All heavy atoms as atom14 arrays in JSON, in Angstrom:
{
  "sequence": "PRQETVRLDLGVPSRGDELHRHNPMQSRQRGLKAA",
  "atom14_mask": [
    [1, 1, 1, 1, 1, 1, 1, 0, 0, 0, 0, 0, 0, 0],
    [1, 1, 1, 1, 1, 1, 1, 1, 1, 1, 1, 0, 0, 0],
    [1, 1, 1, 1, 1, 1, 1, 1, 1, 0, 0, 0, 0, 0],
    [1, 1, 1, 1, 1, 1, 1, 1, 1, 0, 0, 0, 0, 0],
    [1, 1, 1, 1, 1, 1, 1, 0, 0, 0, 0, 0, 0, 0],
    [1, 1, 1, 1, 1, 1, 1, 0, 0, 0, 0, 0, 0, 0],
    [1, 1, 1, 1, 1, 1, 1, 1, 1, 1, 1, 0, 0, 0],
    [1, 1, 1, 1, 1, 1, 1, 1, 0, 0, 0, 0, 0, 0],
    [1, 1, 1, 1, 1, 1, 1, 1, 0, 0, 0, 0, 0, 0],
    [1, 1, 1, 1, 1, 1, 1, 1, 0, 0, 0, 0, 0, 0],
    [1, 1, 1, 1, 0, 0, 0, 0, 0, 0, 0, 0, 0, 0],
    [1, 1, 1, 1, 1, 1, 1, 0, 0, 0, 0, 0, 0, 0],
    [1, 1, 1, 1, 1, 1, 1, 0, 0, 0, 0, 0, 0, 0],
    [1, 1, 1, 1, 1, 1, 0, 0, 0, 0, 0, 0, 0, 0],
    [1, 1, 1, 1, 1, 1, 1, 1, 1, 1, 1, 0, 0, 0],
    [1, 1, 1, 1, 0, 0, 0, 0, 0, 0, 0, 0, 0, 0],
    [1, 1, 1, 1, 1, 1, 1, 1, 0, 0, 0, 0, 0, 0],
    [1, 1, 1, 1, 1, 1, 1, 1, 1, 0, 0, 0, 0, 0],
    [1, 1, 1, 1, 1, 1, 1, 1, 0, 0, 0, 0, 0, 0],
    [1, 1, 1, 1, 1, 1, 1, 1, 1, 1, 0, 0, 0, 0],
    [1, 1, 1, 1, 1, 1, 1, 1, 1, 1, 1, 0, 0, 0],
    [1, 1, 1, 1, 1, 1, 1, 1, 1, 1, 0, 0, 0, 0],
    [1, 1, 1, 1, 1, 1, 1, 1, 0, 0, 0, 0, 0, 0],
    [1, 1, 1, 1, 1, 1, 1, 0, 0, 0, 0, 0, 0, 0],
    [1, 1, 1, 1, 1, 1, 1, 1, 0, 0, 0, 0, 0, 0],
    [1, 1, 1, 1, 1, 1, 1, 1, 1, 0, 0, 0, 0, 0],
    [1, 1, 1, 1, 1, 1, 0, 0, 0, 0, 0, 0, 0, 0],
    [1, 1, 1, 1, 1, 1, 1, 1, 1, 1, 1, 0, 0, 0],
    [1, 1, 1, 1, 1, 1, 1, 1, 1, 0, 0, 0, 0, 0],
    [1, 1, 1, 1, 1, 1, 1, 1, 1, 1, 1, 0, 0, 0],
    [1, 1, 1, 1, 0, 0, 0, 0, 0, 0, 0, 0, 0, 0],
    [1, 1, 1, 1, 1, 1, 1, 1, 0, 0, 0, 0, 0, 0],
    [1, 1, 1, 1, 1, 1, 1, 1, 1, 0, 0, 0, 0, 0],
    [1, 1, 1, 1, 1, 0, 0, 0, 0, 0, 0, 0, 0, 0],
    [1, 1, 1, 1, 1, 0, 0, 0, 0, 0, 0, 0, 0, 0]
  ],
  "atom14_positions": [
    [[167.93, 296.17, 64.7], [168.94, 297.1, 64.21], [168.34, 298.19, 63.33], [167.34, 297.95, 62.63], [169.89, 296.21, 63.4], [169.07, 295.04, 63.0], [168.08, 294.83, 64.1], [0.0, 0.0, 0.0], [0.0, 0.0, 0.0], [0.0, 0.0, 0.0], [0.0, 0.0, 0.0], [0.0, 0.0, 0.0], [0.0, 0.0, 0.0], [0.0, 0.0, 0.0]],
    [[168.93, 299.36, 63.39], [168.5, 300.46, 62.53], [169.2, 300.31, 61.18], [170.43, 300.32, 61.1], [168.85, 301.8, 63.17], [168.46, 303.0, 62.32], [168.79, 304.3, 63.0], [167.9, 304.54, 64.14], [167.97, 305.62, 64.93], [168.91, 306.53, 64.71], [167.13, 305.76, 65.93], [0.0, 0.0, 0.0], [0.0, 0.0, 0.0], [0.0, 0.0, 0.0]],
    [[168.43, 300.18, 60.13], [168.99, 300.03, 58.79], [169.27, 301.41, 58.2], [168.39, 302.26, 58.15], [168.02, 299.25, 57.9], [167.83, 297.8, 58.35], [166.95, 297.02, 57.41], [166.15, 297.56, 56.67], [167.09, 295.71, 57.43], [0.0, 0.0, 0.0], [0.0, 0.0, 0.0], [0.0, 0.0, 0.0], [0.0, 0.0, 0.0], [0.0, 0.0, 0.0]],
    [[170.52, 301.6, 57.75], [170.95, 302.91, 57.28], [171.9, 302.76, 56.1], [172.63, 301.77, 56.0], [171.69, 303.67, 58.39], [170.85, 303.94, 59.62], [171.69, 304.45, 60.78], [172.78, 303.89, 61.02], [171.26, 305.39, 61.45], [0.0, 0.0, 0.0], [0.0, 0.0, 0.0], [0.0, 0.0, 0.0], [0.0, 0.0, 0.0], [0.0, 0.0, 0.0]],
    [[171.89, 303.76, 55.23], [172.92, 303.91, 54.21], [173.81, 305.06, 54.64], [173.31, 306.16, 54.91], [172.31, 304.2, 52.83], [171.47, 303.09, 52.46], [173.4, 304.38, 51.78], [0.0, 0.0, 0.0], [0.0, 0.0, 0.0], [0.0, 0.0, 0.0], [0.0, 0.0, 0.0], [0.0, 0.0, 0.0], [0.0, 0.0, 0.0], [0.0, 0.0, 0.0]],
    [[175.1, 304.8, 54.76], [176.05, 305.79, 55.28], [177.01, 306.18, 54.18], [177.7, 305.32, 53.62], [176.83, 305.23, 56.49], [177.78, 306.28, 57.05], [175.87, 304.73, 57.57], [0.0, 0.0, 0.0], [0.0, 0.0, 0.0], [0.0, 0.0, 0.0], [0.0, 0.0, 0.0], [0.0, 0.0, 0.0], [0.0, 0.0, 0.0], [0.0, 0.0, 0.0]],
    [[177.06, 307.47, 53.86], [177.98, 307.95, 52.84], [179.22, 308.54, 53.52], [179.1, 309.44, 54.36], [177.32, 308.99, 51.96], [178.2, 309.49, 50.83], [177.41, 310.38, 49.88], [176.3, 309.64, 49.28], [175.37, 310.21, 48.53], [175.4, 311.51, 48.29], [174.39, 309.49, 48.01], [0.0, 0.0, 0.0], [0.0, 0.0, 0.0], [0.0, 0.0, 0.0]],
    [[180.38, 308.04, 53.16], [181.65, 308.54, 53.7], [182.44, 309.17, 52.57], [182.93, 308.48, 51.68], [182.46, 307.38, 54.31], [181.8, 306.6, 55.45], [182.66, 305.41, 55.85], [181.57, 307.5, 56.64], [0.0, 0.0, 0.0], [0.0, 0.0, 0.0], [0.0, 0.0, 0.0], [0.0, 0.0, 0.0], [0.0, 0.0, 0.0], [0.0, 0.0, 0.0]],
    [[182.55, 310.48, 52.61], [183.32, 311.21, 51.6], [184.7, 311.49, 52.18], [184.89, 312.4, 52.99], [182.61, 312.51, 51.25], [183.28, 313.23, 50.08], [184.4, 312.84, 49.71], [182.69, 314.2, 49.56], [0.0, 0.0, 0.0], [0.0, 0.0, 0.0], [0.0, 0.0, 0.0], [0.0, 0.0, 0.0], [0.0, 0.0, 0.0], [0.0, 0.0, 0.0]],
    [[185.68, 310.69, 51.78], [187.02, 310.8, 52.35], [187.76, 312.03, 51.83], [188.86, 312.33, 52.31], [187.83, 309.54, 52.04], [187.18, 308.21, 52.47], [188.16, 307.06, 52.29], [186.68, 308.27, 53.9], [0.0, 0.0, 0.0], [0.0, 0.0, 0.0], [0.0, 0.0, 0.0], [0.0, 0.0, 0.0], [0.0, 0.0, 0.0], [0.0, 0.0, 0.0]],
    [[187.19, 312.73, 50.87], [187.84, 313.92, 50.34], [187.57, 315.18, 51.14], [188.2, 316.21, 50.91], [0.0, 0.0, 0.0], [0.0, 0.0, 0.0], [0.0, 0.0, 0.0], [0.0, 0.0, 0.0], [0.0, 0.0, 0.0], [0.0, 0.0, 0.0], [0.0, 0.0, 0.0], [0.0, 0.0, 0.0], [0.0, 0.0, 0.0], [0.0, 0.0, 0.0]],
    [[186.65, 315.11, 52.12], [186.37, 316.29, 52.96], [187.55, 316.52, 53.89], [187.95, 315.61, 54.61], [185.08, 316.08, 53.77], [184.85, 317.26, 54.72], [183.89, 315.91, 52.84], [0.0, 0.0, 0.0], [0.0, 0.0, 0.0], [0.0, 0.0, 0.0], [0.0, 0.0, 0.0], [0.0, 0.0, 0.0], [0.0, 0.0, 0.0], [0.0, 0.0, 0.0]],
    [[188.15, 317.71, 53.89], [189.36, 317.94, 54.69], [189.12, 317.77, 56.19], [188.04, 318.05, 56.71], [189.73, 319.4, 54.36], [189.01, 319.71, 53.1], [187.75, 318.9, 53.12], [0.0, 0.0, 0.0], [0.0, 0.0, 0.0], [0.0, 0.0, 0.0], [0.0, 0.0, 0.0], [0.0, 0.0, 0.0], [0.0, 0.0, 0.0], [0.0, 0.0, 0.0]],
    [[190.17, 317.33, 56.87], [190.15, 317.23, 58.32], [190.4, 318.6, 58.94], [191.01, 319.48, 58.33], [191.24, 316.26, 58.78], [191.43, 316.33, 60.18], [0.0, 0.0, 0.0], [0.0, 0.0, 0.0], [0.0, 0.0, 0.0], [0.0, 0.0, 0.0], [0.0, 0.0, 0.0], [0.0, 0.0, 0.0], [0.0, 0.0, 0.0], [0.0, 0.0, 0.0]],
    [[189.93, 318.78, 60.18], [190.12, 320.06, 60.87], [191.49, 320.16, 61.54], [191.82, 321.19, 62.13], [189.04, 320.25, 61.93], [187.64, 320.37, 61.35], [186.68, 320.92, 62.39], [186.67, 320.15, 63.62], [185.86, 319.13, 63.86], [185.02, 318.74, 62.92], [185.89, 318.51, 65.0], [0.0, 0.0, 0.0], [0.0, 0.0, 0.0], [0.0, 0.0, 0.0]],
    [[192.28, 319.09, 61.51], [193.59, 319.13, 62.16], [194.15, 317.74, 62.35], [193.57, 316.74, 61.89], [0.0, 0.0, 0.0], [0.0, 0.0, 0.0], [0.0, 0.0, 0.0], [0.0, 0.0, 0.0], [0.0, 0.0, 0.0], [0.0, 0.0, 0.0], [0.0, 0.0, 0.0], [0.0, 0.0, 0.0], [0.0, 0.0, 0.0], [0.0, 0.0, 0.0]],
    [[195.29, 317.68, 63.04], [195.98, 316.41, 63.23], [195.61, 315.7, 64.52], [196.12, 314.62, 64.8], [197.5, 316.63, 63.19], [197.98, 317.08, 61.81], [197.29, 316.72, 60.83], [199.0, 317.77, 61.73], [0.0, 0.0, 0.0], [0.0, 0.0, 0.0], [0.0, 0.0, 0.0], [0.0, 0.0, 0.0], [0.0, 0.0, 0.0], [0.0, 0.0, 0.0]],
    [[194.75, 316.31, 65.34], [194.28, 315.66, 66.56], [193.03, 314.83, 66.24], [192.21, 315.23, 65.42], [193.97, 316.69, 67.64], [195.19, 317.48, 68.11], [196.23, 316.61, 68.79], [195.82, 315.68, 69.52], [197.44, 316.86, 68.59], [0.0, 0.0, 0.0], [0.0, 0.0, 0.0], [0.0, 0.0, 0.0], [0.0, 0.0, 0.0], [0.0, 0.0, 0.0]],
    [[192.9, 313.7, 66.91], [191.74, 312.84, 66.69], [190.45, 313.59, 67.05], [190.33, 314.16, 68.12], [191.87, 311.58, 67.55], [190.7, 310.59, 67.47], [190.62, 309.99, 66.06], [190.86, 309.48, 68.51], [0.0, 0.0, 0.0], [0.0, 0.0, 0.0], [0.0, 0.0, 0.0], [0.0, 0.0, 0.0], [0.0, 0.0, 0.0], [0.0, 0.0, 0.0]],
    [[189.49, 313.59, 66.13], [188.25, 314.29, 66.38], [187.13, 313.67, 65.56], [187.36, 313.02, 64.54], [188.37, 315.78, 66.04], [188.69, 316.04, 64.6], [189.98, 315.97, 64.09], [187.89, 316.36, 63.55], [189.96, 316.24, 62.8], [188.71, 316.47, 62.44], [0.0, 0.0, 0.0], [0.0, 0.0, 0.0], [0.0, 0.0, 0.0], [0.0, 0.0, 0.0]],
    [[185.9, 313.88, 66.05], [184.74, 313.43, 65.3], [184.65, 314.25, 64.02], [184.84, 315.46, 64.04], [183.47, 313.62, 66.14], [182.29, 312.82, 65.63], [181.08, 313.01, 66.52], [181.27, 312.48, 67.86], [181.13, 311.2, 68.19], [180.79, 310.32, 67.26], [181.3, 310.81, 69.43], [0.0, 0.0, 0.0], [0.0, 0.0, 0.0], [0.0, 0.0, 0.0]],
    [[184.36, 313.57, 62.92], [184.46, 314.22, 61.61], [183.14, 314.05, 60.86], [183.08, 313.44, 59.8], [185.63, 313.61, 60.83], [186.06, 314.43, 59.66], [186.39, 315.75, 59.74], [186.25, 314.08, 58.36], [186.77, 316.2, 58.54], [186.68, 315.21, 57.69], [0.0, 0.0, 0.0], [0.0, 0.0, 0.0], [0.0, 0.0, 0.0], [0.0, 0.0, 0.0]],
    [[182.09, 314.58, 61.43], [180.76, 314.39, 60.86], [180.58, 314.9, 59.44], [179.73, 314.39, 58.72], [179.71, 315.01, 61.78], [179.48, 314.18, 63.03], [179.65, 312.96, 63.0], [179.13, 314.81, 64.12], [0.0, 0.0, 0.0], [0.0, 0.0, 0.0], [0.0, 0.0, 0.0], [0.0, 0.0, 0.0], [0.0, 0.0, 0.0], [0.0, 0.0, 0.0]],
    [[181.31, 315.96, 58.98], [181.08, 316.41, 57.6], [181.29, 315.32, 56.55], [180.75, 315.42, 55.46], [182.11, 317.53, 57.44], [182.3, 318.05, 58.81], [182.22, 316.84, 59.7], [0.0, 0.0, 0.0], [0.0, 0.0, 0.0], [0.0, 0.0, 0.0], [0.0, 0.0, 0.0], [0.0, 0.0, 0.0], [0.0, 0.0, 0.0], [0.0, 0.0, 0.0]],
    [[182.08, 314.3, 56.86], [182.33, 313.25, 55.88], [181.24, 312.18, 55.92], [181.28, 311.22, 55.18], [183.69, 312.61, 56.12], [183.81, 311.87, 57.43], [185.48, 311.31, 57.82], [185.61, 309.84, 56.83], [0.0, 0.0, 0.0], [0.0, 0.0, 0.0], [0.0, 0.0, 0.0], [0.0, 0.0, 0.0], [0.0, 0.0, 0.0], [0.0, 0.0, 0.0]],
    [[180.24, 312.37, 56.78], [179.24, 311.33, 56.96], [177.85, 311.85, 56.65], [177.47, 312.93, 57.06], [179.29, 310.83, 58.4], [178.19, 309.83, 58.73], [178.25, 309.4, 60.17], [179.3, 309.37, 60.78], [177.12, 309.08, 60.73], [0.0, 0.0, 0.0], [0.0, 0.0, 0.0], [0.0, 0.0, 0.0], [0.0, 0.0, 0.0], [0.0, 0.0, 0.0]],
    [[177.09, 311.08, 55.91], [175.69, 311.39, 55.66], [174.91, 310.1, 55.81], [175.23, 309.1, 55.17], [175.51, 311.96, 54.24], [174.15, 312.12, 53.94], [0.0, 0.0, 0.0], [0.0, 0.0, 0.0], [0.0, 0.0, 0.0], [0.0, 0.0, 0.0], [0.0, 0.0, 0.0], [0.0, 0.0, 0.0], [0.0, 0.0, 0.0], [0.0, 0.0, 0.0]],
    [[173.89, 310.12, 56.67], [173.11, 308.91, 56.93], [171.7, 309.06, 56.36], [171.09, 310.12, 56.47], [172.99, 308.64, 58.43], [174.28, 308.2, 59.08], [174.04, 307.85, 60.55], [175.27, 307.45, 61.19], [175.73, 306.22, 61.24], [175.05, 305.24, 60.68], [176.86, 305.93, 61.84], [0.0, 0.0, 0.0], [0.0, 0.0, 0.0], [0.0, 0.0, 0.0]],
    [[171.21, 307.98, 55.8], [169.82, 307.91, 55.36], [169.22, 306.62, 55.87], [169.89, 305.57, 55.87], [169.72, 307.97, 53.84], [170.19, 309.29, 53.23], [170.05, 309.29, 51.72], [169.69, 308.3, 51.12], [170.32, 310.44, 51.12], [0.0, 0.0, 0.0], [0.0, 0.0, 0.0], [0.0, 0.0, 0.0], [0.0, 0.0, 0.0], [0.0, 0.0, 0.0]],
    [[167.98, 306.68, 56.32], [167.31, 305.46, 56.78], [167.11, 304.5, 55.62], [166.78, 304.91, 54.51], [165.97, 305.81, 57.42], [166.06, 306.48, 58.78], [166.61, 305.52, 59.83], [166.54, 306.09, 61.15], [165.55, 305.87, 62.01], [164.55, 305.09, 61.66], [165.56, 306.43, 63.2], [0.0, 0.0, 0.0], [0.0, 0.0, 0.0], [0.0, 0.0, 0.0]],
    [[167.3, 303.23, 55.88], [167.07, 302.2, 54.88], [168.34, 301.83, 54.13], [169.33, 302.55, 54.13], [0.0, 0.0, 0.0], [0.0, 0.0, 0.0], [0.0, 0.0, 0.0], [0.0, 0.0, 0.0], [0.0, 0.0, 0.0], [0.0, 0.0, 0.0], [0.0, 0.0, 0.0], [0.0, 0.0, 0.0], [0.0, 0.0, 0.0], [0.0, 0.0, 0.0]],
    [[168.3, 300.66, 53.51], [169.43, 300.14, 52.74], [169.13, 300.34, 51.26], [168.3, 299.63, 50.68], [169.65, 298.66, 53.04], [169.93, 298.32, 54.51], [169.91, 296.81, 54.72], [171.28, 298.89, 54.94], [0.0, 0.0, 0.0], [0.0, 0.0, 0.0], [0.0, 0.0, 0.0], [0.0, 0.0, 0.0], [0.0, 0.0, 0.0], [0.0, 0.0, 0.0]],
    [[169.78, 301.31, 50.65], [169.54, 301.6, 49.24], [170.2, 300.55, 48.35], [171.33, 300.14, 48.61], [170.08, 302.98, 48.88], [169.39, 304.14, 49.58], [169.8, 305.46, 48.98], [171.3, 305.65, 48.98], [171.7, 306.95, 48.42], [0.0, 0.0, 0.0], [0.0, 0.0, 0.0], [0.0, 0.0, 0.0], [0.0, 0.0, 0.0], [0.0, 0.0, 0.0]],
    [[169.52, 300.17, 47.3], [170.09, 299.21, 46.37], [170.81, 299.9, 45.21], [171.71, 299.34, 44.61], [169.0, 298.3, 45.82], [0.0, 0.0, 0.0], [0.0, 0.0, 0.0], [0.0, 0.0, 0.0], [0.0, 0.0, 0.0], [0.0, 0.0, 0.0], [0.0, 0.0, 0.0], [0.0, 0.0, 0.0], [0.0, 0.0, 0.0], [0.0, 0.0, 0.0]],
    [[170.41, 301.14, 44.88], [171.02, 301.84, 43.75], [172.45, 302.23, 44.07], [172.76, 302.69, 45.17], [170.21, 303.07, 43.4], [0.0, 0.0, 0.0], [0.0, 0.0, 0.0], [0.0, 0.0, 0.0], [0.0, 0.0, 0.0], [0.0, 0.0, 0.0], [0.0, 0.0, 0.0], [0.0, 0.0, 0.0], [0.0, 0.0, 0.0], [0.0, 0.0, 0.0]]
  ]
}
């Protein structure tokens, strides 16, 4: 498995009411951060 830390910022506005990929709310970094 690829180990990643994924940041989900739920405050980033959606582009609309239709289901869509919402990458601006996601930031991935390799590895599992402990901090």
